[in-house]
C-alpha cells in the first residue's frame, strides 16, 4: 500500500510503499493524486521503500511501468529512498531513460533526500 508523506511543498509527491503494493493501490491512490498534481505542471517525487515493503503484485509493476511511460516528462526530480539492493540496481539501470534528475538514497539519508527533492540541494 502507499502512505502519503506530509510536510513537503505542494509540488512534491511524497509517498512510502509499505507491505505489498497492488494494482488497486496504483489505481485508487497513487495515480489519481499524481495526475491531479501534474495538472499544474511537472512535479518532484520522493519515493520511500523501507523495511515494511514486501513487494509488488504483477499488476502493480505493470501499472508503474505504464504510468512512468505516460508521464515520463512530468517528473522533474525523483528521489528514491531504499536499502533494497535490487531496487537500487533497477533505478540505476533505468536512470538514463528518465526525463528528469533521479537520485537514490539509503533509508538512513531520508532527511538528505527530502532536502534534495525540495531544495534541489546536493
PDB file of N, CA and C in Angstrom:
ATOM      1  N   UNK A   1       0.842  -1.170   0.000  1.00  0.00           N
ATOM      2  CA  UNK A   1       0.000   0.000   0.000  1.00  0.00           C
ATOM      3  C   UNK A   1       0.887   1.234   0.000  1.00  0.00           C
ATOM      4  N   UNK A   2       0.303   2.359  -0.315  1.00  0.00           N
ATOM      5  CA  UNK A   2       1.009   3.637  -0.312  1.00  0.00           C
ATOM      6  C   UNK A   2       0.512   4.496   0.838  1.00  0.00           C
ATOM      7  N   UNK A   3       1.451   5.144   1.508  1.00  0.00           N
ATOM      8  CA  UNK A   3       1.121   6.142   2.521  1.00  0.00           C
ATOM      9  C   UNK A   3       1.757   7.448   2.071  1.00  0.00           C
ATOM     10  N   UNK A   4       0.966   8.499   2.019  1.00  0.00           N
ATOM     11  CA  UNK A   4       1.500   9.795   1.638  1.00  0.00           C
ATOM     12  C   UNK A   4       2.239  10.419   2.809  1.00  0.00           C
ATOM     13  N   UNK A   5       3.326  11.106   2.506  1.00  0.00           N
ATOM     14  CA  UNK A   5       4.159  11.764   3.498  1.00  0.00           C
ATOM     15  C   UNK A   5       3.834  13.253   3.445  1.00  0.00           C
ATOM     16  N   UNK A   6       3.415  13.799   4.566  1.00  0.00           N
ATOM     17  CA  UNK A   6       3.031  15.210   4.643  1.00  0.00           C
ATOM     18  C   UNK A   6       4.226  16.098   4.980  1.00  0.00           C
ATOM     19  N   UNK A   7       4.019  17.391   4.829  1.00  0.00           N
ATOM     20  CA  UNK A   7       5.002  18.363   5.274  1.00  0.00           C
ATOM     21  C   UNK A   7       5.998  18.808   4.222  1.00  0.00           C
ATOM     22  N   UNK A   8       5.757  18.454   2.962  1.00  0.00           N
ATOM     23  CA  UNK A   8       6.656  18.878   1.889  1.00  0.00           C
ATOM     24  C   UNK A   8       5.925  19.850   0.969  1.00  0.00           C
ATOM     25  N   UNK A   9       6.651  20.593   0.141  1.00  0.00           N
ATOM     26  CA  UNK A   9       5.992  21.552  -0.748  1.00  0.00           C
ATOM     27  C   UNK A   9       4.929  20.908  -1.637  1.00  0.00           C
ATOM     28  N   UNK A  10       4.020  21.735  -2.134  1.00  0.00           N
ATOM     29  CA  UNK A  10       2.878  21.241  -2.920  1.00  0.00           C
ATOM     30  C   UNK A  10       3.274  20.575  -4.234  1.00  0.00           C
ATOM     31  N   UNK A  11       4.475  20.868  -4.736  1.00  0.00           N
ATOM     32  CA  UNK A  11       4.896  20.257  -5.995  1.00  0.00           C
ATOM     33  C   UNK A  11       5.679  18.960  -5.788  1.00  0.00           C
ATOM     34  N   UNK A  12       5.703  18.451  -4.547  1.00  0.00           N
ATOM     35  CA  UNK A  12       6.405  17.198  -4.243  1.00  0.00           C
ATOM     36  C   UNK A  12       5.383  16.125  -3.880  1.00  0.00           C
ATOM     37  N   UNK A  13       5.346  15.077  -4.679  1.00  0.00           N
ATOM     38  CA  UNK A  13       4.550  13.898  -4.366  1.00  0.00           C
ATOM     39  C   UNK A  13       5.431  13.006  -3.505  1.00  0.00           C
ATOM     40  N   UNK A  14       5.125  12.931  -2.226  1.00  0.00           N
ATOM     41  CA  UNK A  14       5.931  12.150  -1.286  1.00  0.00           C
ATOM     42  C   UNK A  14       5.122  10.957  -0.825  1.00  0.00           C
ATOM     43  N   UNK A  15       5.656   9.769  -1.062  1.00  0.00           N
ATOM     44  CA  UNK A  15       4.910   8.547  -0.787  1.00  0.00           C
ATOM     45  C   UNK A  15       5.854   7.470  -0.252  1.00  0.00           C
ATOM     46  N   UNK A  16       5.309   6.638   0.634  1.00  0.00           N
ATOM     47  CA  UNK A  16       6.051   5.495   1.140  1.00  0.00           C
ATOM     48  C   UNK A  16       5.296   4.223   0.773  1.00  0.00           C
ATOM     49  N   UNK A  17       6.015   3.269   0.194  1.00  0.00           N
ATOM     50  CA  UNK A  17       5.438   1.960  -0.120  1.00  0.00           C
ATOM     51  C   UNK A  17       5.644   1.052   1.078  1.00  0.00           C
ATOM     52  N   UNK A  18       4.553   0.462   1.573  1.00  0.00           N
ATOM     53  CA  UNK A  18       4.634  -0.464   2.700  1.00  0.00           C
ATOM     54  C   UNK A  18       3.849  -1.717   2.356  1.00  0.00           C
ATOM     55  N   UNK A  19       4.221  -2.823   2.987  1.00  0.00           N
ATOM     56  CA  UNK A  19       3.525  -4.074   2.707  1.00  0.00           C
ATOM     57  C   UNK A  19       3.650  -4.428   1.243  1.00  0.00           C
ATOM     58  N   UNK A  20       2.619  -5.049   0.707  1.00  0.00           N
ATOM     59  CA  UNK A  20       2.583  -5.405  -0.714  1.00  0.00           C
ATOM     60  C   UNK A  20       1.837  -4.317  -1.476  1.00  0.00           C
ATOM     61  N   UNK A  21       2.450  -3.806  -2.534  1.00  0.00           N
ATOM     62  CA  UNK A  21       1.829  -2.784  -3.371  1.00  0.00           C
ATOM     63  C   UNK A  21       1.027  -3.486  -4.465  1.00  0.00           C
ATOM     64  N   UNK A  22      -0.238  -3.082  -4.604  1.00  0.00           N
ATOM     65  CA  UNK A  22      -1.164  -3.759  -5.514  1.00  0.00           C
ATOM     66  C   UNK A  22      -1.589  -2.851  -6.668  1.00  0.00           C
ATOM     67  N   UNK A  23      -2.233  -3.467  -7.640  1.00  0.00           N
ATOM     68  CA  UNK A  23      -2.840  -2.723  -8.751  1.00  0.00           C
ATOM     69  C   UNK A  23      -3.822  -1.691  -8.208  1.00  0.00           C
ATOM     70  N   UNK A  24      -4.621  -2.094  -7.241  1.00  0.00           N
ATOM     71  CA  UNK A  24      -5.619  -1.187  -6.657  1.00  0.00           C
ATOM     72  C   UNK A  24      -4.955   0.014  -5.984  1.00  0.00           C
ATOM     73  N   UNK A  25      -3.785  -0.183  -5.383  1.00  0.00           N
ATOM     74  CA  UNK A  25      -3.049   0.927  -4.762  1.00  0.00           C
ATOM     75  C   UNK A  25      -2.690   1.983  -5.805  1.00  0.00           C
ATOM     76  N   UNK A  26      -2.258   1.535  -6.963  1.00  0.00           N
ATOM     77  CA  UNK A  26      -1.942   2.489  -8.034  1.00  0.00           C
ATOM     78  C   UNK A  26      -3.206   3.153  -8.550  1.00  0.00           C
ATOM     79  N   UNK A  27      -4.210   2.319  -8.860  1.00  0.00           N
ATOM     80  CA  UNK A  27      -5.437   2.798  -9.496  1.00  0.00           C
ATOM     81  C   UNK A  27      -6.207   3.784  -8.618  1.00  0.00           C
ATOM     82  N   UNK A  28      -6.293   3.514  -7.324  1.00  0.00           N
ATOM     83  CA  UNK A  28      -7.147   4.340  -6.480  1.00  0.00           C
ATOM     84  C   UNK A  28      -6.391   5.340  -5.606  1.00  0.00           C
ATOM     85  N   UNK A  29      -5.079   5.205  -5.504  1.00  0.00           N
ATOM     86  CA  UNK A  29      -4.326   6.062  -4.589  1.00  0.00           C
ATOM     87  C   UNK A  29      -3.278   6.901  -5.305  1.00  0.00           C
ATOM     88  N   UNK A  30      -2.258   6.250  -5.842  1.00  0.00           N
ATOM     89  CA  UNK A  30      -1.106   6.985  -6.371  1.00  0.00           C
ATOM     90  C   UNK A  30      -1.407   7.727  -7.668  1.00  0.00           C
ATOM     91  N   UNK A  31      -1.978   7.046  -8.633  1.00  0.00           N
ATOM     92  CA  UNK A  31      -2.187   7.670  -9.946  1.00  0.00           C
ATOM     93  C   UNK A  31      -3.132   8.874  -9.866  1.00  0.00           C
ATOM     94  N   UNK A  32      -4.280   8.787  -9.201  1.00  0.00           N
ATOM     95  CA  UNK A  32      -5.146   9.978  -9.136  1.00  0.00           C
ATOM     96  C   UNK A  32      -4.466  11.181  -8.475  1.00  0.00           C
ATOM     97  N   UNK A  33      -3.737  10.938  -7.387  1.00  0.00           N
ATOM     98  CA  UNK A  33      -3.057  12.048  -6.701  1.00  0.00           C
ATOM     99  C   UNK A  33      -1.976  12.642  -7.600  1.00  0.00           C
ATOM    100  N   UNK A  34      -1.165  11.792  -8.215  1.00  0.00           N
ATOM    101  CA  UNK A  34      -0.089  12.273  -9.080  1.00  0.00           C
ATOM    102  C   UNK A  34      -0.641  13.059 -10.268  1.00  0.00           C
ATOM    103  N   UNK A  35      -1.668  12.530 -10.916  1.00  0.00           N
ATOM    104  CA  UNK A  35      -2.215  13.222 -12.084  1.00  0.00           C
ATOM    105  C   UNK A  35      -2.874  14.538 -11.695  1.00  0.00           C
ATOM    106  N   UNK A  36      -3.488  14.609 -10.535  1.00  0.00           N
ATOM    107  CA  UNK A  36      -4.055  15.882 -10.073  1.00  0.00           C
ATOM    108  C   UNK A  36      -2.943  16.898  -9.860  1.00  0.00           C
ATOM    109  N   UNK A  37      -1.841  16.469  -9.269  1.00  0.00           N
ATOM    110  CA  UNK A  37      -0.715  17.381  -9.054  1.00  0.00           C
ATOM    111  C   UNK A  37      -0.097  17.815 -10.381  1.00  0.00           C
ATOM    112  N   UNK A  38      -0.012  16.902 -11.337  1.00  0.00           N
ATOM    113  CA  UNK A  38       0.599  17.186 -12.633  1.00  0.00           C
ATOM    114  C   UNK A  38      -0.229  18.153 -13.460  1.00  0.00           C
ATOM    115  N   UNK A  39      -1.474  18.337 -13.113  1.00  0.00           N
ATOM    116  CA  UNK A  39      -2.301  19.279 -13.866  1.00  0.00           C
ATOM    117  C   UNK A  39      -1.781  20.706 -13.729  1.00  0.00           C
ATOM    118  N   UNK A  40      -0.930  20.935 -12.733  1.00  0.00           N
ATOM    119  CA  UNK A  40      -0.315  22.250 -12.530  1.00  0.00           C
ATOM    120  C   UNK A  40       1.096  22.331 -13.095  1.00  0.00           C
ATOM    121  N   UNK A  41       1.551  21.283 -13.755  1.00  0.00           N
ATOM    122  CA  UNK A  41       2.897  21.265 -14.322  1.00  0.00           C
ATOM    123  C   UNK A  41       3.716  20.123 -13.743  1.00  0.00           C
ATOM    124  N   UNK A  42       4.986  20.013 -14.170  1.00  0.00           N
ATOM    125  CA  UNK A  42       5.847  18.933 -13.680  1.00  0.00           C
ATOM    126  C   UNK A  42       5.968  18.951 -12.152  1.00  0.00           C
ATOM    127  N   UNK A  43       6.132  17.765 -11.595  1.00  0.00           N
ATOM    128  CA  UNK A  43       6.251  17.631 -10.144  1.00  0.00           C
ATOM    129  C   UNK A  43       7.561  16.931  -9.801  1.00  0.00           C
ATOM    130  N   UNK A  44       7.871  16.927  -8.526  1.00  0.00           N
ATOM    131  CA  UNK A  44       9.001  16.189  -7.978  1.00  0.00           C
ATOM    132  C   UNK A  44       8.415  15.036  -7.165  1.00  0.00           C
ATOM    133  N   UNK A  45       9.206  13.976  -6.987  1.00  0.00           N
ATOM    134  CA  UNK A  45       8.698  12.828  -6.234  1.00  0.00           C
ATOM    135  C   UNK A  45       9.732  12.347  -5.236  1.00  0.00           C
ATOM    136  N   UNK A  46       9.249  12.067  -4.045  1.00  0.00           N
ATOM    137  CA  UNK A  46      10.024  11.383  -3.015  1.00  0.00           C
ATOM    138  C   UNK A  46       9.356  10.032  -2.845  1.00  0.00           C
ATOM    139  N   UNK A  47      10.079   8.969  -3.148  1.00  0.00           N
ATOM    140  CA  UNK A  47       9.520   7.618  -3.125  1.00  0.00           C
ATOM    141  C   UNK A  47      10.328   6.779  -2.137  1.00  0.00           C
ATOM    142  N   UNK A  48       9.730   6.486  -0.998  1.00  0.00           N
ATOM    143  CA  UNK A  48      10.401   5.754   0.071  1.00  0.00           C
ATOM    144  C   UNK A  48       9.939   4.298   0.051  1.00  0.00           C
ATOM    145  N   UNK A  49      10.907   3.393   0.007  1.00  0.00           N
ATOM    146  CA  UNK A  49      10.625   1.961   0.026  1.00  0.00           C
ATOM    147  C   UNK A  49      11.467   1.371   1.162  1.00  0.00           C
ATOM    148  N   UNK A  50      10.862   1.284   2.337  1.00  0.00           N
ATOM    149  CA  UNK A  50      11.585   0.880   3.535  1.00  0.00           C
ATOM    150  C   UNK A  50      11.470  -0.594   3.871  1.00  0.00           C
ATOM    151  N   UNK A  51      11.742  -0.915   5.124  1.00  0.00           N
ATOM    152  CA  UNK A  51      11.772  -2.303   5.594  1.00  0.00           C
ATOM    153  C   UNK A  51      10.402  -2.973   5.550  1.00  0.00           C
ATOM    154  N   UNK A  52       9.333  -2.195   5.721  1.00  0.00           N
ATOM    155  CA  UNK A  52       7.989  -2.786   5.752  1.00  0.00           C
ATOM    156  C   UNK A  52       7.491  -3.196   4.367  1.00  0.00           C
ATOM    157  N   UNK A  53       8.180  -2.796   3.317  1.00  0.00           N
ATOM    158  CA  UNK A  53       7.793  -3.145   1.955  1.00  0.00           C
ATOM    159  C   UNK A  53       8.075  -4.622   1.712  1.00  0.00           C
ATOM    160  N   UNK A  54       7.064  -5.348   1.179  1.00  0.00           N
ATOM    161  CA  UNK A  54       7.247  -6.783   0.927  1.00  0.00           C
ATOM    162  C   UNK A  54       7.198  -7.149  -0.553  1.00  0.00           C
ATOM    163  N   UNK A  55       6.875  -6.195  -1.423  1.00  0.00           N
ATOM    164  CA  UNK A  55       6.906  -6.485  -2.845  1.00  0.00           C
ATOM    165  C   UNK A  55       5.757  -5.864  -3.615  1.00  0.00           C
ATOM    166  N   UNK A  56       5.802  -6.080  -4.930  1.00  0.00           N
ATOM    167  CA  UNK A  56       4.781  -5.594  -5.847  1.00  0.00           C
ATOM    168  C   UNK A  56       3.998  -6.769  -6.408  1.00  0.00           C
ATOM    169  N   UNK A  57       2.693  -6.617  -6.538  1.00  0.00           N
ATOM    170  CA  UNK A  57       1.931  -7.549  -7.356  1.00  0.00           C
ATOM    171  C   UNK A  57       2.322  -7.306  -8.810  1.00  0.00           C
ATOM    172  N   UNK A  58       2.161  -8.320  -9.639  1.00  0.00           N
ATOM    173  CA  UNK A  58       2.499  -8.178 -11.051  1.00  0.00           C
ATOM    174  C   UNK A  58       1.723  -7.021 -11.680  1.00  0.00           C
ATOM    175  N   UNK A  59       0.444  -6.893 -11.348  1.00  0.00           N
ATOM    176  CA  UNK A  59      -0.365  -5.802 -11.888  1.00  0.00           C
ATOM    177  C   UNK A  59       0.157  -4.441 -11.476  1.00  0.00           C
ATOM    178  N   UNK A  60       0.720  -4.352 -10.285  1.00  0.00           N
ATOM    179  CA  UNK A  60       1.280  -3.085  -9.814  1.00  0.00           C
ATOM    180  C   UNK A  60       2.542  -2.733 -10.593  1.00  0.00           C
ATOM    181  N   UNK A  61       3.350  -3.727 -10.924  1.00  0.00           N
ATOM    182  CA  UNK A  61       4.544  -3.466 -11.745  1.00  0.00           C
ATOM    183  C   UNK A  61       4.139  -2.949 -13.125  1.00  0.00           C
ATOM    184  N   UNK A  62       3.100  -3.545 -13.677  1.00  0.00           N
ATOM    185  CA  UNK A  62       2.584  -3.092 -14.977  1.00  0.00           C
ATOM    186  C   UNK A  62       2.089  -1.646 -14.866  1.00  0.00           C
ATOM    187  N   UNK A  63       1.313  -1.365 -13.820  1.00  0.00           N
ATOM    188  CA  UNK A  63       0.797  -0.011 -13.610  1.00  0.00           C
ATOM    189  C   UNK A  63       1.933   0.992 -13.488  1.00  0.00           C
ATOM    190  N   UNK A  64       2.970   0.626 -12.737  1.00  0.00           N
ATOM    191  CA  UNK A  64       4.110   1.517 -12.550  1.00  0.00           C
ATOM    192  C   UNK A  64       4.794   1.798 -13.888  1.00  0.00           C
ATOM    193  N   UNK A  65       4.980   0.763 -14.683  1.00  0.00           N
ATOM    194  CA  UNK A  65       5.623   0.926 -15.995  1.00  0.00           C
ATOM    195  C   UNK A  65       4.791   1.801 -16.923  1.00  0.00           C
ATOM    196  N   UNK A  66       3.506   1.523 -17.023  1.00  0.00           N
ATOM    197  CA  UNK A  66       2.642   2.284 -17.918  1.00  0.00           C
ATOM    198  C   UNK A  66       2.500   3.742 -17.457  1.00  0.00           C
ATOM    199  N   UNK A  67       2.383   3.938 -16.159  1.00  0.00           N
ATOM    200  CA  UNK A  67       2.293   5.296 -15.622  1.00  0.00           C
ATOM    201  C   UNK A  67       3.590   6.050 -15.904  1.00  0.00           C
ATOM    202  N   UNK A  68       4.714   5.379 -15.706  1.00  0.00           N
ATOM    203  CA  UNK A  68       6.005   6.000 -15.979  1.00  0.00           C
ATOM    204  C   UNK A  68       6.166   6.388 -17.438  1.00  0.00           C
ATOM    205  N   UNK A  69       5.743   5.514 -18.343  1.00  0.00           N
ATOM    206  CA  UNK A  69       5.834   5.831 -19.770  1.00  0.00           C
ATOM    207  C   UNK A  69       4.923   6.991 -20.149  1.00  0.00           C
ATOM    208  N   UNK A  70       3.728   6.987 -19.605  1.00  0.00           N
ATOM    209  CA  UNK A  70       2.763   8.041 -19.926  1.00  0.00           C
ATOM    210  C   UNK A  70       3.219   9.403 -19.402  1.00  0.00           C
ATOM    211  N   UNK A  71       3.860   9.401 -18.240  1.00  0.00           N
ATOM    212  CA  UNK A  71       4.195  10.663 -17.575  1.00  0.00           C
ATOM    213  C   UNK A  71       5.697  10.884 -17.402  1.00  0.00           C
ATOM    214  N   UNK A  72       6.521  10.254 -18.228  1.00  0.00           N
ATOM    215  CA  UNK A  72       7.965  10.334 -18.023  1.00  0.00           C
ATOM    216  C   UNK A  72       8.475  11.772 -18.036  1.00  0.00           C
ATOM    217  N   UNK A  73       7.786  12.652 -18.732  1.00  0.00           N
ATOM    218  CA  UNK A  73       8.220  14.054 -18.812  1.00  0.00           C
ATOM    219  C   UNK A  73       7.583  14.931 -17.729  1.00  0.00           C
ATOM    220  N   UNK A  74       6.721  14.368 -16.901  1.00  0.00           N
ATOM    221  CA  UNK A  74       6.014  15.141 -15.878  1.00  0.00           C
ATOM    222  C   UNK A  74       6.700  15.125 -14.513  1.00  0.00           C
ATOM    223  N   UNK A  75       7.839  14.448 -14.414  1.00  0.00           N
ATOM    224  CA  UNK A  75       8.625  14.428 -13.177  1.00  0.00           C
ATOM    225  C   UNK A  75       9.943  15.152 -13.434  1.00  0.00           C
ATOM    226  N   UNK A  76      10.174  16.249 -12.725  1.00  0.00           N
ATOM    227  CA  UNK A  76      11.446  16.953 -12.913  1.00  0.00           C
ATOM    228  C   UNK A  76      12.553  16.343 -12.068  1.00  0.00           C
ATOM    229  N   UNK A  77      12.192  15.798 -10.892  1.00  0.00           N
ATOM    230  CA  UNK A  77      13.168  15.196  -9.985  1.00  0.00           C
ATOM    231  C   UNK A  77      12.508  14.051  -9.226  1.00  0.00           C
ATOM    232  N   UNK A  78      13.258  12.970  -9.067  1.00  0.00           N
ATOM    233  CA  UNK A  78      12.765  11.825  -8.307  1.00  0.00           C
ATOM    234  C   UNK A  78      13.854  11.386  -7.337  1.00  0.00           C
ATOM    235  N   UNK A  79      13.500  11.329  -6.058  1.00  0.00           N
ATOM    236  CA  UNK A  79      14.391  10.787  -5.032  1.00  0.00           C
ATOM    237  C   UNK A  79      13.813   9.448  -4.591  1.00  0.00           C
ATOM    238  N   UNK A  80      14.568   8.384  -4.801  1.00  0.00           N
ATOM    239  CA  UNK A  80      14.166   7.053  -4.371  1.00  0.00           C
ATOM    240  C   UNK A  80      14.979   6.727  -3.122  1.00  0.00           C
ATOM    241  N   UNK A  81      14.281   6.421  -2.051  1.00  0.00           N
ATOM    242  CA  UNK A  81      14.929   6.153  -0.759  1.00  0.00           C
ATOM    243  C   UNK A  81      14.684   4.693  -0.403  1.00  0.00           C
ATOM    244  N   UNK A  82      15.757   3.903  -0.404  1.00  0.00           N
ATOM    245  CA  UNK A  82      15.603   2.477  -0.126  1.00  0.00           C
ATOM    246  C   UNK A  82      16.936   1.849   0.247  1.00  0.00           C
ATOM    247  N   UNK A  83      16.853   0.762   0.994  1.00  0.00           N
ATOM    248  CA  UNK A  83      18.014  -0.075   1.278  1.00  0.00           C
ATOM    249  C   UNK A  83      17.932  -1.389   0.506  1.00  0.00           C
ATOM    250  N   UNK A  84      16.884  -1.576  -0.281  1.00  0.00           N
ATOM    251  CA  UNK A  84      16.721  -2.791  -1.078  1.00  0.00           C
ATOM    252  C   UNK A  84      17.679  -2.720  -2.270  1.00  0.00           C
ATOM    253  N   UNK A  85      18.683  -3.601  -2.266  1.00  0.00           N
ATOM    254  CA  UNK A  85      19.717  -3.576  -3.311  1.00  0.00           C
ATOM    255  C   UNK A  85      19.129  -3.768  -4.703  1.00  0.00           C
ATOM    256  N   UNK A  86      18.123  -4.632  -4.844  1.00  0.00           N
ATOM    257  CA  UNK A  86      17.540  -4.877  -6.163  1.00  0.00           C
ATOM    258  C   UNK A  86      16.872  -3.617  -6.709  1.00  0.00           C
ATOM    259  N   UNK A  87      16.276  -2.821  -5.834  1.00  0.00           N
ATOM    260  CA  UNK A  87      15.618  -1.596  -6.273  1.00  0.00           C
ATOM    261  C   UNK A  87      16.655  -0.521  -6.609  1.00  0.00           C
ATOM    262  N   UNK A  88      17.701  -0.437  -5.812  1.00  0.00           N
ATOM    263  CA  UNK A  88      18.784   0.495  -6.115  1.00  0.00           C
ATOM    264  C   UNK A  88      19.387   0.186  -7.488  1.00  0.00           C
ATOM    265  N   UNK A  89      19.612  -1.112  -7.756  1.00  0.00           N
ATOM    266  CA  UNK A  89      20.176  -1.522  -9.046  1.00  0.00           C
ATOM    267  C   UNK A  89      19.220  -1.238 -10.197  1.00  0.00           C
ATOM    268  N   UNK A  90      17.931  -1.511  -9.991  1.00  0.00           N
ATOM    269  CA  UNK A  90      16.938  -1.262 -11.038  1.00  0.00           C
ATOM    270  C   UNK A  90      16.866   0.220 -11.382  1.00  0.00           C
ATOM    271  N   UNK A  91      16.817   1.073 -10.367  1.00  0.00           N
ATOM    272  CA  UNK A  91      16.768   2.516 -10.612  1.00  0.00           C
ATOM    273  C   UNK A  91      18.047   2.958 -11.326  1.00  0.00           C
ATOM    274  N   UNK A  92      19.183   2.402 -10.917  1.00  0.00           N
ATOM    275  CA  UNK A  92      20.440   2.738 -11.573  1.00  0.00           C
ATOM    276  C   UNK A  92      20.439   2.382 -13.053  1.00  0.00           C
ATOM    277  N   UNK A  93      19.879   1.221 -13.388  1.00  0.00           N
ATOM    278  CA  UNK A  93      19.819   0.799 -14.794  1.00  0.00           C
ATOM    279  C   UNK A  93      18.864   1.661 -15.608  1.00  0.00           C
ATOM    280  N   UNK A  94      17.752   2.056 -14.990  1.00  0.00           N
ATOM    281  CA  UNK A  94      16.724   2.808 -15.724  1.00  0.00           C
ATOM    282  C   UNK A  94      16.959   4.319 -15.707  1.00  0.00           C
ATOM    283  N   UNK A  95      17.868   4.800 -14.872  1.00  0.00           N
ATOM    284  CA  UNK A  95      18.120   6.233 -14.725  1.00  0.00           C
ATOM    285  C   UNK A  95      18.310   6.960 -16.064  1.00  0.00           C
ATOM    286  N   UNK A  96      19.052   6.395 -17.023  1.00  0.00           N
ATOM    287  CA  UNK A  96      19.243   7.120 -18.290  1.00  0.00           C
ATOM    288  C   UNK A  96      17.944   7.351 -19.074  1.00  0.00           C
ATOM    289  N   UNK A  97      16.904   6.599 -18.775  1.00  0.00           N
ATOM    290  CA  UNK A  97      15.658   6.712 -19.519  1.00  0.00           C
ATOM    291  C   UNK A  97      14.683   7.711 -18.903  1.00  0.00           C
ATOM    292  N   UNK A  98      14.995   8.197 -17.705  1.00  0.00           N
ATOM    293  CA  UNK A  98      14.134   9.183 -17.066  1.00  0.00           C
ATOM    294  C   UNK A  98      14.405  10.552 -17.669  1.00  0.00           C
ATOM    295  N   UNK A  99      13.361  11.322 -17.809  1.00  0.00           N
ATOM    296  CA  UNK A  99      13.479  12.683 -18.336  1.00  0.00           C
ATOM    297  C   UNK A  99      14.142  13.601 -17.310  1.00  0.00           C
ATOM    298  N   UNK A 100      13.764  13.473 -16.063  1.00  0.00           N
ATOM    299  CA  UNK A 100      14.275  14.348 -15.007  1.00  0.00           C
ATOM    300  C   UNK A 100      15.477  13.754 -14.289  1.00  0.00           C
ATOM    301  N   UNK A 101      15.904  14.430 -13.259  1.00  0.00           N
ATOM    302  CA  UNK A 101      17.032  14.003 -12.445  1.00  0.00           C
ATOM    303  C   UNK A 101      16.549  12.978 -11.421  1.00  0.00           C
ATOM    304  N   UNK A 102      17.245  11.847 -11.325  1.00  0.00           N
ATOM    305  CA  UNK A 102      16.872  10.775 -10.410  1.00  0.00           C
ATOM    306  C   UNK A 102      18.076  10.454  -9.527  1.00  0.00           C
ATOM    307  N   UNK A 103      17.822  10.398  -8.226  1.00  0.00           N
ATOM    308  CA  UNK A 103      18.878  10.022  -7.282  1.00  0.00           C
ATOM    309  C   UNK A 103      18.341   8.975  -6.321  1.00  0.00           C
ATOM    310  N   UNK A 104      19.239   8.084  -5.892  1.00  0.00           N
ATOM    311  CA  UNK A 104      18.902   7.041  -4.940  1.00  0.00           C
ATOM    312  C   UNK A 104      19.624   7.351  -3.631  1.00  0.00           C
ATOM    313  N   UNK A 105      18.890   7.234  -2.539  1.00  0.00           N
ATOM    314  CA  UNK A 105      19.419   7.485  -1.201  1.00  0.00           C
ATOM    315  C   UNK A 105      19.143   6.268  -0.325  1.00  0.00           C
ATOM    316  N   UNK A 106      20.068   5.916   0.569  1.00  0.00           N
ATOM    317  CA  UNK A 106      19.736   4.885   1.563  1.00  0.00           C
ATOM    318  C   UNK A 106      18.732   5.439   2.562  1.00  0.00           C
ATOM    319  N   UNK A 107      18.012   4.561   3.243  1.00  0.00           N
ATOM    320  CA  UNK A 107      16.982   4.988   4.191  1.00  0.00           C
ATOM    321  C   UNK A 107      17.559   5.902   5.266  1.00  0.00           C
ATOM    322  N   UNK A 108      18.784   5.641   5.695  1.00  0.00           N
ATOM    323  CA  UNK A 108      19.409   6.480   6.724  1.00  0.00           C
ATOM    324  C   UNK A 108      19.580   7.930   6.264  1.00  0.00           C
ATOM    325  N   UNK A 109      19.524   8.166   4.956  1.00  0.00           N
ATOM    326  CA  UNK A 109      19.688   9.508   4.410  1.00  0.00           C
ATOM    327  C   UNK A 109      18.362  10.122   3.949  1.00  0.00           C
ATOM    328  N   UNK A 110      17.257   9.663   4.525  1.00  0.00           N
ATOM    329  CA  UNK A 110      15.950  10.228   4.187  1.00  0.00           C
ATOM    330  C   UNK A 110      15.910  11.748   4.347  1.00  0.00           C
ATOM    331  N   UNK A 111      16.450  12.322   5.421  1.00  0.00           N
ATOM    332  CA  UNK A 111      16.442  13.791   5.523  1.00  0.00           C
ATOM    333  C   UNK A 111      17.180  14.466   4.357  1.00  0.00           C
ATOM    334  N   UNK A 112      18.284  13.884   3.918  1.00  0.00           N
ATOM    335  CA  UNK A 112      19.028  14.445   2.783  1.00  0.00           C
ATOM    336  C   UNK A 112      18.206  14.336   1.499  1.00  0.00           C
ATOM    337  N   UNK A 113      17.494  13.237   1.334  1.00  0.00           N
ATOM    338  CA  UNK A 113      16.641  13.060   0.154  1.00  0.00           C
ATOM    339  C   UNK A 113      15.532  14.104   0.146  1.00  0.00           C
ATOM    340  N   UNK A 114      14.936  14.342   1.310  1.00  0.00           N
ATOM    341  CA  UNK A 114      13.889  15.370   1.403  1.00  0.00           C
ATOM    342  C   UNK A 114      14.451  16.738   1.051  1.00  0.00           C
ATOM    343  N   UNK A 115      15.636  17.042   1.564  1.00  0.00           N
ATOM    344  CA  UNK A 115      16.262  18.337   1.245  1.00  0.00           C
ATOM    345  C   UNK A 115      16.535  18.450  -0.246  1.00  0.00           C
ATOM    346  N   UNK A 116      17.088  17.378  -0.830  1.00  0.00           N
ATOM    347  CA  UNK A 116      17.436  17.419  -2.251  1.00  0.00           C
ATOM    348  C   UNK A 116      16.193  17.630  -3.111  1.00  0.00           C
ATOM    349  N   UNK A 117      15.148  16.879  -2.853  1.00  0.00           N
ATOM    350  CA  UNK A 117      13.959  16.956  -3.711  1.00  0.00           C
ATOM    351  C   UNK A 117      13.191  18.254  -3.499  1.00  0.00           C
ATOM    352  N   UNK A 118      13.299  18.859  -2.321  1.00  0.00           N
ATOM    353  CA  UNK A 118      12.576  20.121  -2.086  1.00  0.00           C
ATOM    354  C   UNK A 118      13.416  21.331  -2.452  1.00  0.00           C
ATOM    355  N   UNK A 119      14.693  21.320  -2.075  1.00  0.00           N
ATOM    356  CA  UNK A 119      15.578  22.471  -2.326  1.00  0.00           C
ATOM    357  C   UNK A 119      16.391  22.295  -3.594  1.00  0.00           C
ATOM    358  N   UNK A 120      16.486  21.054  -4.026  1.00  0.00           N
ATOM    359  CA  UNK A 120      17.367  20.661  -5.106  1.00  0.00           C
ATOM    360  C   UNK A 120      18.812  20.967  -4.740  1.00  0.00           C
ATOM    361  N   UNK A 121      19.090  20.844  -3.439  1.00  0.00           N
ATOM    362  CA  UNK A 121      20.455  20.962  -2.944  1.00  0.00           C
ATOM    363  C   UNK A 121      21.132  19.616  -3.059  1.00  0.00           C
ATOM    364  N   UNK A 122      22.417  19.581  -2.890  1.00  0.00           N
ATOM    365  CA  UNK A 122      23.139  18.309  -3.021  1.00  0.00           C
ATOM    366  C   UNK A 122      23.449  17.723  -1.682  1.00  0.00           C
TER     367      UNK A 122
END
